[in-house]
Amino acid sequence: MAKQPRLRYGMPERWAVEWGEDQHGMFMGFGVGEVVQRLRYIPPGRFLMGSPEGELGRWEDEGPQHVVELSEGYWLADTPCTQALWEAVMGQNPSEFVDPKNPVETVSWDDCQEFVRRLNEQVPGLHARLPSEAEWEYACRGGTSGATWVDELDGERTATVLDPIAWYDGNSEDRTHPVGSKAANPFGLYDMLGNVWEWCEDRGGLYGAAAVMDPRGPSEGSSRVFRGGSWGSDARRVRAAYRGSAPPGDQLDNLGFRLARSQTGQTRRASPEKPVGGAAGRGAAGARQPRLERLSRRHARGRTQLARRRP
């Protein structure tokens, strides 16, 4: 067996079954049974979170655009959690569109927390978690600043931009597809846009205009954020800045998740947001909740339909 390379900062973690470095950067993989999930290293950095006022398809809760600094690097799964990985950990598969290579869906935020708990028991030292909303958007952008990491969406060119990178309502045939079957972003991450929405750790809340460091979202609130668009989303929702939320118990057939891990390997807990350059932090959950997409599942004539509504 060929000797695995050292990572740039030293040796890999003891749980790693693969590791190395390629054109996208460093990676490590963990295994549960025969299933291997690769994690990509996301370097620390600063970016503009949210969308500019002129972005096509923009919703009010995507602003104001504000500077976010992530002071530490972190690891993010290169694909959404597959049905194969979910079943290896949980012993069952709740998905509507059954295929081990497809992303797991019909899992609530609460279900994801139980999955993470069991996974961390089965892979000691992994310390997996869900990404924060800021970590998710930073990773999705991959160092770019547009609606997608490829280009802006301008109506006539929407298919040209989205088809190579995302499964959405223009090409999905109303179902999920195997993860990693579209092109990766600059960080080597697949399906950051489309296929399934992805739960984040944060509660839903409004942005503030001030620059902040390592935001973890509001400390109070009844909904949890999801990001990225899905197989059923129109193009305006398949953008890096688009935000959605739902109660943590909701299970929807277009909603999944991907795993994250802190650079130190310790699970990060919510803490007060730190201002950047002395500025005040993001607004906490206040009296008014933002317009975040809500999805509800209903059954009619034997098939699952999705109803979208503005709260």
C-alpha atoms as a PDB file:
ATOM      1  CA  MET A   1       0.000   0.000   0.000  1.00  0.00           C
ATOM      2  CA  ALA A   2       1.380   3.409  -0.961  1.00  0.00           C
ATOM      3  CA  LYS A   3       2.366   5.666   1.935  1.00  0.00           C
ATOM      4  CA  GLN A   4      -0.109   8.482   2.485  1.00  0.00           C
ATOM      5  CA  PRO A   5       1.342  12.013   2.415  1.00  0.00           C
ATOM      6  CA  ARG A   6       1.627  14.281   5.419  1.00  0.00           C
ATOM      7  CA  LEU A   7      -0.798  17.165   5.610  1.00  0.00           C
ATOM      8  CA  ARG A   8       0.581  20.679   5.407  1.00  0.00           C
ATOM      9  CA  TYR A   9       0.204  21.283   9.134  1.00  0.00           C
ATOM     10  CA  GLY A  10       1.364  17.801  10.244  1.00  0.00           C
ATOM     11  CA  MET A  11       0.009  14.293  10.585  1.00  0.00           C
ATOM     12  CA  PRO A  12      -3.668  13.462  10.026  1.00  0.00           C
ATOM     13  CA  GLU A  13      -6.097  12.614  12.790  1.00  0.00           C
ATOM     14  CA  ARG A  14      -6.099   9.045  14.116  1.00  0.00           C
ATOM     15  CA  TRP A  15      -9.582   8.393  12.709  1.00  0.00           C
ATOM     16  CA  ALA A  16      -8.586   9.351   9.149  1.00  0.00           C
ATOM     17  CA  VAL A  17      -8.785   6.518   6.598  1.00  0.00           C
ATOM     18  CA  GLU A  18      -7.558   8.794   3.786  1.00  0.00           C
ATOM     19  CA  TRP A  19      -5.767  12.124   3.623  1.00  0.00           C
ATOM     20  CA  GLY A  20      -3.768  14.255   1.264  1.00  0.00           C
ATOM     21  CA  GLU A  21      -3.696  17.445  -0.749  1.00  0.00           C
ATOM     22  CA  ASP A  22      -4.785  18.265  -4.286  1.00  0.00           C
ATOM     23  CA  GLN A  23      -5.636  21.329  -6.387  1.00  0.00           C
ATOM     24  CA  HIS A  24      -8.452  22.219  -3.955  1.00  0.00           C
ATOM     25  CA  GLY A  25      -6.350  21.940  -0.807  1.00  0.00           C
ATOM     26  CA  MET A  26      -6.112  19.498   2.087  1.00  0.00           C
ATOM     27  CA  PHE A  27      -8.561  16.702   2.787  1.00  0.00           C
ATOM     28  CA  MET A  28      -9.138  13.897   5.275  1.00  0.00           C
ATOM     29  CA  GLY A  29     -11.704  11.123   5.197  1.00  0.00           C
ATOM     30  CA  PHE A  30     -13.380   9.083   7.927  1.00  0.00           C
ATOM     31  CA  GLY A  31     -15.143   5.763   7.540  1.00  0.00           C
ATOM     32  CA  VAL A  32     -18.181   4.043   9.014  1.00  0.00           C
ATOM     33  CA  GLY A  33     -18.199   0.446   7.841  1.00  0.00           C
ATOM     34  CA  GLU A  34     -17.616   0.543   4.091  1.00  0.00           C
ATOM     35  CA  VAL A  35     -18.743   4.171   3.729  1.00  0.00           C
ATOM     36  CA  VAL A  36     -16.099   6.909   3.523  1.00  0.00           C
ATOM     37  CA  GLN A  37     -16.858  10.625   3.827  1.00  0.00           C
ATOM     38  CA  ARG A  38     -14.208  13.138   2.751  1.00  0.00           C
ATOM     39  CA  LEU A  39     -13.749  16.420   4.620  1.00  0.00           C
ATOM     40  CA  ARG A  40     -12.147  19.462   2.992  1.00  0.00           C
ATOM     41  CA  TYR A  41     -10.110  22.027   4.882  1.00  0.00           C
ATOM     42  CA  ILE A  42     -11.583  25.526   4.602  1.00  0.00           C
ATOM     43  CA  PRO A  43      -8.988  28.199   5.469  1.00  0.00           C
ATOM     44  CA  PRO A  44      -9.806  31.176   7.701  1.00  0.00           C
ATOM     45  CA  GLY A  45     -10.710  34.396   5.963  1.00  0.00           C
ATOM     46  CA  ARG A  46     -12.946  37.419   5.604  1.00  0.00           C
ATOM     47  CA  PHE A  47     -15.869  37.838   3.206  1.00  0.00           C
ATOM     48  CA  LEU A  48     -19.009  39.853   2.511  1.00  0.00           C
ATOM     49  CA  MET A  49     -21.990  37.885   3.843  1.00  0.00           C
ATOM     50  CA  GLY A  50     -25.357  38.442   2.206  1.00  0.00           C
ATOM     51  CA  SER A  51     -26.157  39.910  -1.196  1.00  0.00           C
ATOM     52  CA  PRO A  52     -25.867  43.395  -2.684  1.00  0.00           C
ATOM     53  CA  GLU A  53     -29.089  45.271  -3.313  1.00  0.00           C
ATOM     54  CA  GLY A  54     -28.800  44.861  -7.075  1.00  0.00           C
ATOM     55  CA  GLU A  55     -28.432  41.060  -7.134  1.00  0.00           C
ATOM     56  CA  LEU A  56     -31.118  39.395  -9.262  1.00  0.00           C
ATOM     57  CA  GLY A  57     -33.569  37.436  -7.133  1.00  0.00           C
ATOM     58  CA  ARG A  58     -32.472  39.074  -3.872  1.00  0.00           C
ATOM     59  CA  TRP A  59     -34.718  38.939  -0.801  1.00  0.00           C
ATOM     60  CA  GLU A  60     -34.679  41.549   1.953  1.00  0.00           C
ATOM     61  CA  ASP A  61     -33.329  39.191   4.633  1.00  0.00           C
ATOM     62  CA  GLU A  62     -30.125  38.710   2.606  1.00  0.00           C
ATOM     63  CA  GLY A  63     -29.028  42.171   3.674  1.00  0.00           C
ATOM     64  CA  PRO A  64     -27.486  44.309   4.715  1.00  0.00           C
ATOM     65  CA  GLN A  65     -24.293  42.884   3.277  1.00  0.00           C
ATOM     66  CA  HIS A  66     -21.707  42.908   6.040  1.00  0.00           C
ATOM     67  CA  VAL A  67     -18.125  41.837   6.636  1.00  0.00           C
ATOM     68  CA  VAL A  68     -17.676  38.503   8.409  1.00  0.00           C
ATOM     69  CA  GLU A  69     -14.312  37.228   9.557  1.00  0.00           C
ATOM     70  CA  LEU A  70     -13.787  33.542  10.324  1.00  0.00           C
ATOM     71  CA  SER A  71     -10.720  33.503  12.531  1.00  0.00           C
ATOM     72  CA  GLU A  72     -10.048  29.764  12.370  1.00  0.00           C
ATOM     73  CA  GLY A  73     -10.058  27.263   9.561  1.00  0.00           C
ATOM     74  CA  TYR A  74     -12.478  24.348   9.718  1.00  0.00           C
ATOM     75  CA  TRP A  75     -13.352  21.144   7.880  1.00  0.00           C
ATOM     76  CA  LEU A  76     -16.463  20.645   5.781  1.00  0.00           C
ATOM     77  CA  ALA A  77     -17.752  17.488   4.108  1.00  0.00           C
ATOM     78  CA  ASP A  78     -17.195  17.631   0.367  1.00  0.00           C
ATOM     79  CA  THR A  79     -20.759  16.379  -0.256  1.00  0.00           C
ATOM     80  CA  PRO A  80     -24.060  16.397   1.582  1.00  0.00           C
ATOM     81  CA  CYS A  81     -24.502  13.388   3.856  1.00  0.00           C
ATOM     82  CA  THR A  82     -25.451  10.421   1.699  1.00  0.00           C
ATOM     83  CA  GLN A  83     -28.133   7.879   2.407  1.00  0.00           C
ATOM     84  CA  ALA A  84     -25.370   5.270   2.654  1.00  0.00           C
ATOM     85  CA  LEU A  85     -23.637   7.163   5.480  1.00  0.00           C
ATOM     86  CA  TRP A  86     -26.894   7.892   7.283  1.00  0.00           C
ATOM     87  CA  GLU A  87     -27.906   4.226   7.167  1.00  0.00           C
ATOM     88  CA  ALA A  88     -24.442   3.079   8.297  1.00  0.00           C
ATOM     89  CA  VAL A  89     -24.769   5.265  11.400  1.00  0.00           C
ATOM     90  CA  MET A  90     -28.511   5.133  12.108  1.00  0.00           C
ATOM     91  CA  GLY A  91     -29.490   1.701  10.787  1.00  0.00           C
ATOM     92  CA  GLN A  92     -32.372   2.997   8.664  1.00  0.00           C
ATOM     93  CA  ASN A  93     -33.044   5.331   5.727  1.00  0.00           C
ATOM     94  CA  PRO A  94     -35.870   7.904   5.927  1.00  0.00           C
ATOM     95  CA  SER A  95     -35.408   9.258   2.385  1.00  0.00           C
ATOM     96  CA  GLU A  96     -38.184   9.689  -0.164  1.00  0.00           C
ATOM     97  CA  PHE A  97     -35.850   9.175  -3.153  1.00  0.00           C
ATOM     98  CA  VAL A  98     -34.053   5.991  -2.164  1.00  0.00           C
ATOM     99  CA  ASP A  99     -30.530   5.526  -3.520  1.00  0.00           C
ATOM    100  CA  PRO A 100     -27.423   5.063  -1.345  1.00  0.00           C
ATOM    101  CA  LYS A 101     -25.466   7.574  -3.459  1.00  0.00           C
ATOM    102  CA  ASN A 102     -28.115  10.281  -3.170  1.00  0.00           C
ATOM    103  CA  PRO A 103     -28.206  12.793  -0.317  1.00  0.00           C
ATOM    104  CA  VAL A 104     -30.274  11.758   2.659  1.00  0.00           C
ATOM    105  CA  GLU A 105     -33.430  13.854   3.041  1.00  0.00           C
ATOM    106  CA  THR A 106     -36.610  13.877   5.099  1.00  0.00           C
ATOM    107  CA  VAL A 107     -34.422  14.473   8.154  1.00  0.00           C
ATOM    108  CA  SER A 108     -35.126  17.212  10.669  1.00  0.00           C
ATOM    109  CA  TRP A 109     -32.581  19.426  12.384  1.00  0.00           C
ATOM    110  CA  ASP A 110     -33.258  17.392  15.522  1.00  0.00           C
ATOM    111  CA  ASP A 111     -32.616  14.176  13.566  1.00  0.00           C
ATOM    112  CA  CYS A 112     -29.286  15.605  12.401  1.00  0.00           C
ATOM    113  CA  GLN A 113     -28.257  16.301  15.991  1.00  0.00           C
ATOM    114  CA  GLU A 114     -28.949  12.675  16.906  1.00  0.00           C
ATOM    115  CA  PHE A 115     -27.009  11.513  13.842  1.00  0.00           C
ATOM    116  CA  VAL A 116     -24.034  13.663  14.856  1.00  0.00           C
ATOM    117  CA  ARG A 117     -24.165  12.302  18.403  1.00  0.00           C
ATOM    118  CA  ARG A 118     -24.124   8.690  17.220  1.00  0.00           C
ATOM    119  CA  LEU A 119     -21.469   9.359  14.577  1.00  0.00           C
ATOM    120  CA  ASN A 120     -19.143  10.918  17.153  1.00  0.00           C
ATOM    121  CA  GLU A 121     -19.602   7.850  19.356  1.00  0.00           C
ATOM    122  CA  GLN A 122     -18.728   5.550  16.455  1.00  0.00           C
ATOM    123  CA  VAL A 123     -15.730   7.620  15.286  1.00  0.00           C
ATOM    124  CA  PRO A 124     -13.950   8.775  18.463  1.00  0.00           C
ATOM    125  CA  GLY A 125     -12.182  12.104  18.092  1.00  0.00           C
ATOM    126  CA  LEU A 126     -14.147  13.179  15.014  1.00  0.00           C
ATOM    127  CA  HIS A 127     -16.205  15.853  16.833  1.00  0.00           C
ATOM    128  CA  ALA A 128     -18.516  16.366  13.846  1.00  0.00           C
ATOM    129  CA  ARG A 129     -21.221  19.037  13.916  1.00  0.00           C
ATOM    130  CA  LEU A 130     -23.354  21.127  11.599  1.00  0.00           C
ATOM    131  CA  PRO A 131     -21.738  24.223  10.060  1.00  0.00           C
ATOM    132  CA  SER A 132     -22.705  27.685  11.165  1.00  0.00           C
ATOM    133  CA  GLU A 133     -24.595  29.774   8.615  1.00  0.00           C
ATOM    134  CA  ALA A 134     -21.506  31.973   8.110  1.00  0.00           C
ATOM    135  CA  GLU A 135     -19.264  28.938   7.642  1.00  0.00           C
ATOM    136  CA  TRP A 136     -21.704  27.546   5.106  1.00  0.00           C
ATOM    137  CA  GLU A 137     -21.884  30.733   2.998  1.00  0.00           C
ATOM    138  CA  TYR A 138     -18.130  31.337   3.140  1.00  0.00           C
ATOM    139  CA  ALA A 139     -17.489  27.782   1.943  1.00  0.00           C
ATOM    140  CA  CYS A 140     -20.165  27.998  -0.744  1.00  0.00           C
ATOM    141  CA  ARG A 141     -18.648  31.149  -2.205  1.00  0.00           C
ATOM    142  CA  GLY A 142     -15.179  29.614  -2.339  1.00  0.00           C
ATOM    143  CA  GLY A 143     -13.476  32.985  -2.482  1.00  0.00           C
ATOM    144  CA  THR A 144     -15.927  34.511  -4.979  1.00  0.00           C
ATOM    145  CA  SER A 145     -18.521  37.234  -4.413  1.00  0.00           C
ATOM    146  CA  GLY A 146     -21.328  36.653  -6.939  1.00  0.00           C
ATOM    147  CA  ALA A 147     -24.678  34.884  -6.796  1.00  0.00           C
ATOM    148  CA  THR A 148     -22.848  31.618  -7.523  1.00  0.00           C
ATOM    149  CA  TRP A 149     -19.157  30.756  -7.620  1.00  0.00           C
ATOM    150  CA  VAL A 150     -19.384  30.583 -11.424  1.00  0.00           C
ATOM    151  CA  ASP A 151     -21.154  33.820 -12.365  1.00  0.00           C
ATOM    152  CA  GLU A 152     -24.187  35.983 -11.747  1.00  0.00           C
ATOM    153  CA  LEU A 153     -27.693  34.858 -12.765  1.00  0.00           C
ATOM    154  CA  ASP A 154     -29.276  37.121 -15.358  1.00  0.00           C
ATOM    155  CA  GLY A 155     -32.317  35.270 -16.679  1.00  0.00           C
ATOM    156  CA  GLU A 156     -31.252  34.233 -20.160  1.00  0.00           C
ATOM    157  CA  ARG A 157     -27.969  32.728 -18.915  1.00  0.00           C
ATOM    158  CA  THR A 158     -29.389  30.996 -15.845  1.00  0.00           C
ATOM    159  CA  ALA A 159     -29.202  27.488 -17.293  1.00  0.00           C
ATOM    160  CA  THR A 160     -25.687  28.100 -18.609  1.00  0.00           C
ATOM    161  CA  VAL A 161     -24.523  29.073 -15.112  1.00  0.00           C
ATOM    162  CA  LEU A 162     -26.464  26.591 -12.963  1.00  0.00           C
ATOM    163  CA  ASP A 163     -26.695  23.397 -15.027  1.00  0.00           C
ATOM    164  CA  PRO A 164     -23.006  22.440 -14.638  1.00  0.00           C
ATOM    165  CA  ILE A 165     -22.991  22.931 -10.847  1.00  0.00           C
ATOM    166  CA  ALA A 166     -26.484  22.340  -9.425  1.00  0.00           C
ATOM    167  CA  TRP A 167     -29.608  20.197  -9.497  1.00  0.00           C
ATOM    168  CA  TYR A 168     -32.604  22.573  -9.388  1.00  0.00           C
ATOM    169  CA  ASP A 169     -36.089  22.751 -10.893  1.00  0.00           C
ATOM    170  CA  GLY A 170     -34.668  23.408 -14.351  1.00  0.00           C
ATOM    171  CA  ASN A 171     -32.865  20.055 -14.644  1.00  0.00           C
ATOM    172  CA  SER A 172     -33.644  17.760 -11.685  1.00  0.00           C
ATOM    173  CA  GLU A 173     -36.771  15.993 -12.989  1.00  0.00           C
ATOM    174  CA  ASP A 174     -38.258  16.532  -9.522  1.00  0.00           C
ATOM    175  CA  ARG A 175     -35.911  14.310  -7.538  1.00  0.00           C
ATOM    176  CA  THR A 176     -32.511  14.121  -5.880  1.00  0.00           C
ATOM    177  CA  HIS A 177     -29.421  12.842  -7.694  1.00  0.00           C
ATOM    178  CA  PRO A 178     -26.142  11.160  -6.677  1.00  0.00           C
ATOM    179  CA  VAL A 179     -23.888  13.548  -4.768  1.00  0.00           C
ATOM    180  CA  GLY A 180     -20.811  14.804  -6.569  1.00  0.00           C
ATOM    181  CA  SER A 181     -22.290  14.424 -10.048  1.00  0.00           C
ATOM    182  CA  LYS A 182     -22.005  18.163 -10.759  1.00  0.00           C
ATOM    183  CA  ALA A 183     -18.843  20.299 -10.777  1.00  0.00           C
ATOM    184  CA  ALA A 184     -17.168  21.248  -7.490  1.00  0.00           C
ATOM    185  CA  ASN A 185     -16.596  24.801  -6.298  1.00  0.00           C
ATOM    186  CA  PRO A 186     -13.071  26.262  -5.750  1.00  0.00           C
ATOM    187  CA  PHE A 187     -12.831  24.601  -2.316  1.00  0.00           C
ATOM    188  CA  GLY A 188     -13.585  21.180  -3.811  1.00  0.00           C
ATOM    189  CA  LEU A 189     -17.149  21.053  -2.424  1.00  0.00           C
ATOM    190  CA  TYR A 190     -19.985  19.455  -4.391  1.00  0.00           C
ATOM    191  CA  ASP A 191     -23.714  20.244  -4.307  1.00  0.00           C
ATOM    192  CA  MET A 192     -23.343  23.410  -2.255  1.00  0.00           C
ATOM    193  CA  LEU A 193     -26.110  24.701  -4.486  1.00  0.00           C
ATOM    194  CA  GLY A 194     -29.077  22.511  -5.392  1.00  0.00           C
ATOM    195  CA  ASN A 195     -29.908  18.824  -4.860  1.00  0.00           C
ATOM    196  CA  VAL A 196     -31.000  19.273  -1.203  1.00  0.00           C
ATOM    197  CA  TRP A 197     -31.222  22.206   1.150  1.00  0.00           C
ATOM    198  CA  GLU A 198     -28.715  21.905   3.995  1.00  0.00           C
ATOM    199  CA  TRP A 199     -29.426  22.495   7.670  1.00  0.00           C
ATOM    200  CA  CYS A 200     -27.084  24.849   9.528  1.00  0.00           C
ATOM    201  CA  GLU A 201     -26.520  25.094  13.263  1.00  0.00           C
ATOM    202  CA  ASP A 202     -27.863  28.663  13.596  1.00  0.00           C
ATOM    203  CA  ARG A 203     -31.284  29.893  14.563  1.00  0.00           C
ATOM    204  CA  GLY A 204     -32.983  32.194  12.079  1.00  0.00           C
ATOM    205  CA  GLY A 205     -32.412  35.910  12.613  1.00  0.00           C
ATOM    206  CA  LEU A 206     -31.802  39.270  10.991  1.00  0.00           C
ATOM    207  CA  TYR A 207     -28.411  40.564   9.877  1.00  0.00           C
ATOM    208  CA  GLY A 208     -26.868  43.717  11.245  1.00  0.00           C
ATOM    209  CA  ALA A 209     -24.718  46.070   9.186  1.00  0.00           C
ATOM    210  CA  ALA A 210     -21.614  45.887  11.394  1.00  0.00           C
ATOM    211  CA  ALA A 211     -18.636  43.643  10.722  1.00  0.00           C
ATOM    212  CA  VAL A 212     -18.438  40.602  13.006  1.00  0.00           C
ATOM    213  CA  MET A 213     -16.062  37.764  13.807  1.00  0.00           C
ATOM    214  CA  ASP A 214     -17.129  34.109  14.021  1.00  0.00           C
ATOM    215  CA  PRO A 215     -20.907  34.707  14.175  1.00  0.00           C
ATOM    216  CA  ARG A 216     -22.987  31.829  15.529  1.00  0.00           C
ATOM    217  CA  GLY A 217     -26.464  33.297  15.007  1.00  0.00           C
ATOM    218  CA  PRO A 218     -29.066  34.456  17.539  1.00  0.00           C
ATOM    219  CA  SER A 219     -29.176  32.899  21.000  1.00  0.00           C
ATOM    220  CA  GLU A 220     -32.974  32.628  20.891  1.00  0.00           C
ATOM    221  CA  GLY A 221     -35.543  31.688  18.277  1.00  0.00           C
ATOM    222  CA  SER A 222     -37.794  28.826  17.214  1.00  0.00           C
ATOM    223  CA  SER A 223     -36.467  28.128  13.699  1.00  0.00           C
ATOM    224  CA  ARG A 224     -33.201  26.768  12.287  1.00  0.00           C
ATOM    225  CA  VAL A 225     -31.534  27.964   9.107  1.00  0.00           C
ATOM    226  CA  PHE A 226     -31.065  25.942   5.936  1.00  0.00           C
ATOM    227  CA  ARG A 227     -29.150  26.968   2.817  1.00  0.00           C
ATOM    228  CA  GLY A 228     -28.317  26.190  -0.795  1.00  0.00           C
ATOM    229  CA  GLY A 229     -31.518  25.435  -2.685  1.00  0.00           C
ATOM    230  CA  SER A 230     -32.739  22.028  -3.785  1.00  0.00           C
ATOM    231  CA  TRP A 231     -33.982  19.915  -6.665  1.00  0.00           C
ATOM    232  CA  GLY A 232     -37.315  21.751  -6.416  1.00  0.00           C
ATOM    233  CA  SER A 233     -35.985  25.319  -6.193  1.00  0.00           C
ATOM    234  CA  ASP A 234     -36.239  27.964  -8.873  1.00  0.00           C
ATOM    235  CA  ALA A 235     -33.026  29.732  -9.848  1.00  0.00           C
ATOM    236  CA  ARG A 236     -33.453  32.744  -7.548  1.00  0.00           C
ATOM    237  CA  ARG A 237     -33.227  30.410  -4.537  1.00  0.00           C
ATOM    238  CA  VAL A 238     -30.135  28.599  -5.833  1.00  0.00           C
ATOM    239  CA  ARG A 239     -27.734  31.357  -4.805  1.00  0.00           C
ATOM    240  CA  ALA A 240     -25.010  31.615  -2.177  1.00  0.00           C
ATOM    241  CA  ALA A 241     -26.842  34.321  -0.211  1.00  0.00           C
ATOM    242  CA  TYR A 242     -30.380  32.890  -0.193  1.00  0.00           C
ATOM    243  CA  ARG A 243     -31.671  31.955   3.271  1.00  0.00           C
ATOM    244  CA  GLY A 244     -34.362  29.574   4.449  1.00  0.00           C
ATOM    245  CA  SER A 245     -35.573  28.382   7.834  1.00  0.00           C
ATOM    246  CA  ALA A 246     -37.953  25.869   9.372  1.00  0.00           C
ATOM    247  CA  PRO A 247     -38.845  24.489  12.804  1.00  0.00           C
ATOM    248  CA  PRO A 248     -36.174  22.032  13.976  1.00  0.00           C
ATOM    249  CA  GLY A 249     -38.624  19.130  13.861  1.00  0.00           C
ATOM    250  CA  ASP A 250     -39.589  19.536  10.190  1.00  0.00           C
ATOM    251  CA  GLN A 251     -38.786  16.652   7.825  1.00  0.00           C
ATOM    252  CA  LEU A 252     -38.912  17.525   4.117  1.00  0.00           C
ATOM    253  CA  ASP A 253     -38.003  15.534   1.041  1.00  0.00           C
ATOM    254  CA  ASN A 254     -35.731  18.286  -0.260  1.00  0.00           C
ATOM    255  CA  LEU A 255     -33.875  19.012   2.985  1.00  0.00           C
ATOM    256  CA  GLY A 256     -30.635  17.347   4.134  1.00  0.00           C
ATOM    257  CA  PHE A 257     -27.308  18.478   5.594  1.00  0.00           C
ATOM    258  CA  ARG A 258     -23.531  18.221   5.429  1.00  0.00           C
ATOM    259  CA  LEU A 259     -21.053  17.750   8.241  1.00  0.00           C
ATOM    260  CA  ALA A 260     -18.508  20.196   9.615  1.00  0.00           C
ATOM    261  CA  ARG A 261     -15.627  19.924  12.066  1.00  0.00           C
ATOM    262  CA  SER A 262     -13.637  22.617  13.852  1.00  0.00           C
ATOM    263  CA  GLN A 263      -9.931  22.818  13.059  1.00  0.00           C
ATOM    264  CA  THR A 264      -9.072  21.969  16.669  1.00  0.00           C
ATOM    265  CA  GLY A 265     -11.400  18.988  16.643  1.00  0.00           C
ATOM    266  CA  GLN A 266     -13.422  20.371  19.536  1.00  0.00           C
ATOM    267  CA  THR A 267     -17.119  21.015  19.094  1.00  0.00           C
ATOM    268  CA  ARG A 268     -17.735  24.755  19.020  1.00  0.00           C
ATOM    269  CA  ARG A 269     -20.492  26.103  21.199  1.00  0.00           C
ATOM    270  CA  ALA A 270     -22.545  29.187  20.608  1.00  0.00           C
ATOM    271  CA  SER A 271     -20.922  32.301  22.059  1.00  0.00           C
ATOM    272  CA  PRO A 272     -21.469  36.058  21.868  1.00  0.00           C
ATOM    273  CA  GLU A 273     -20.434  37.414  18.481  1.00  0.00           C
ATOM    274  CA  LYS A 274     -17.256  39.442  18.390  1.00  0.00           C
ATOM    275  CA  PRO A 275     -17.149  42.694  16.454  1.00  0.00           C
ATOM    276  CA  VAL A 276     -14.474  43.231  13.832  1.00  0.00           C
ATOM    277  CA  GLY A 277     -12.541  46.453  14.301  1.00  0.00           C
ATOM    278  CA  GLY A 278     -14.657  47.485  17.273  1.00  0.00           C
ATOM    279  CA  ALA A 279     -17.955  47.310  15.423  1.00  0.00           C
ATOM    280  CA  ALA A 280     -21.111  45.932  16.993  1.00  0.00           C
ATOM    281  CA  GLY A 281     -22.113  42.349  16.249  1.00  0.00           C
ATOM    282  CA  ARG A 282     -24.965  40.961  14.194  1.00  0.00           C
ATOM    283  CA  GLY A 283     -28.439  41.625  15.480  1.00  0.00           C
ATOM    284  CA  ALA A 284     -29.840  38.904  17.719  1.00  0.00           C
ATOM    285  CA  ALA A 285     -33.292  37.475  17.217  1.00  0.00           C
ATOM    286  CA  GLY A 286     -35.507  40.438  17.907  1.00  0.00           C
ATOM    287  CA  ALA A 287     -39.154  41.243  17.738  1.00  0.00           C
ATOM    288  CA  ARG A 288     -39.356  40.761  13.962  1.00  0.00           C
ATOM    289  CA  GLN A 289     -38.274  37.537  12.329  1.00  0.00           C
ATOM    290  CA  PRO A 290     -36.839  37.757   8.811  1.00  0.00           C
ATOM    291  CA  ARG A 291     -38.514  36.509   5.680  1.00  0.00           C
ATOM    292  CA  LEU A 292     -37.027  33.042   5.544  1.00  0.00           C
ATOM    293  CA  GLU A 293     -38.450  30.459   3.181  1.00  0.00           C
ATOM    294  CA  ARG A 294     -40.719  27.967   4.878  1.00  0.00           C
ATOM    295  CA  LEU A 295     -41.440  24.639   3.247  1.00  0.00           C
ATOM    296  CA  SER A 296     -44.232  22.321   4.250  1.00  0.00           C
ATOM    297  CA  ARG A 297     -44.846  18.798   3.088  1.00  0.00           C
ATOM    298  CA  ARG A 298     -48.282  17.570   2.135  1.00  0.00           C
ATOM    299  CA  HIS A 299     -49.583  14.420   0.531  1.00  0.00           C
ATOM    300  CA  ALA A 300     -52.081  14.570  -2.306  1.00  0.00           C
ATOM    301  CA  ARG A 301     -53.185  11.708  -4.557  1.00  0.00           C
ATOM    302  CA  GLY A 302     -50.402   9.513  -3.238  1.00  0.00           C
ATOM    303  CA  ARG A 303     -47.424  11.732  -4.159  1.00  0.00           C
ATOM    304  CA  THR A 304     -45.406  14.186  -2.114  1.00  0.00           C
ATOM    305  CA  GLN A 305     -45.777  17.839  -2.990  1.00  0.00           C
ATOM    306  CA  LEU A 306     -44.030  20.861  -1.566  1.00  0.00           C
ATOM    307  CA  ALA A 307     -45.936  24.001  -0.686  1.00  0.00           C
ATOM    308  CA  ARG A 308     -43.931  27.205  -0.406  1.00  0.00           C
ATOM    309  CA  ARG A 309     -45.332  30.085   1.527  1.00  0.00           C
ATOM    310  CA  ARG A 310     -44.274  33.440   2.869  1.00  0.00           C
ATOM    311  CA  PRO A 311     -44.747  33.633   6.667  1.00  0.00           C
END
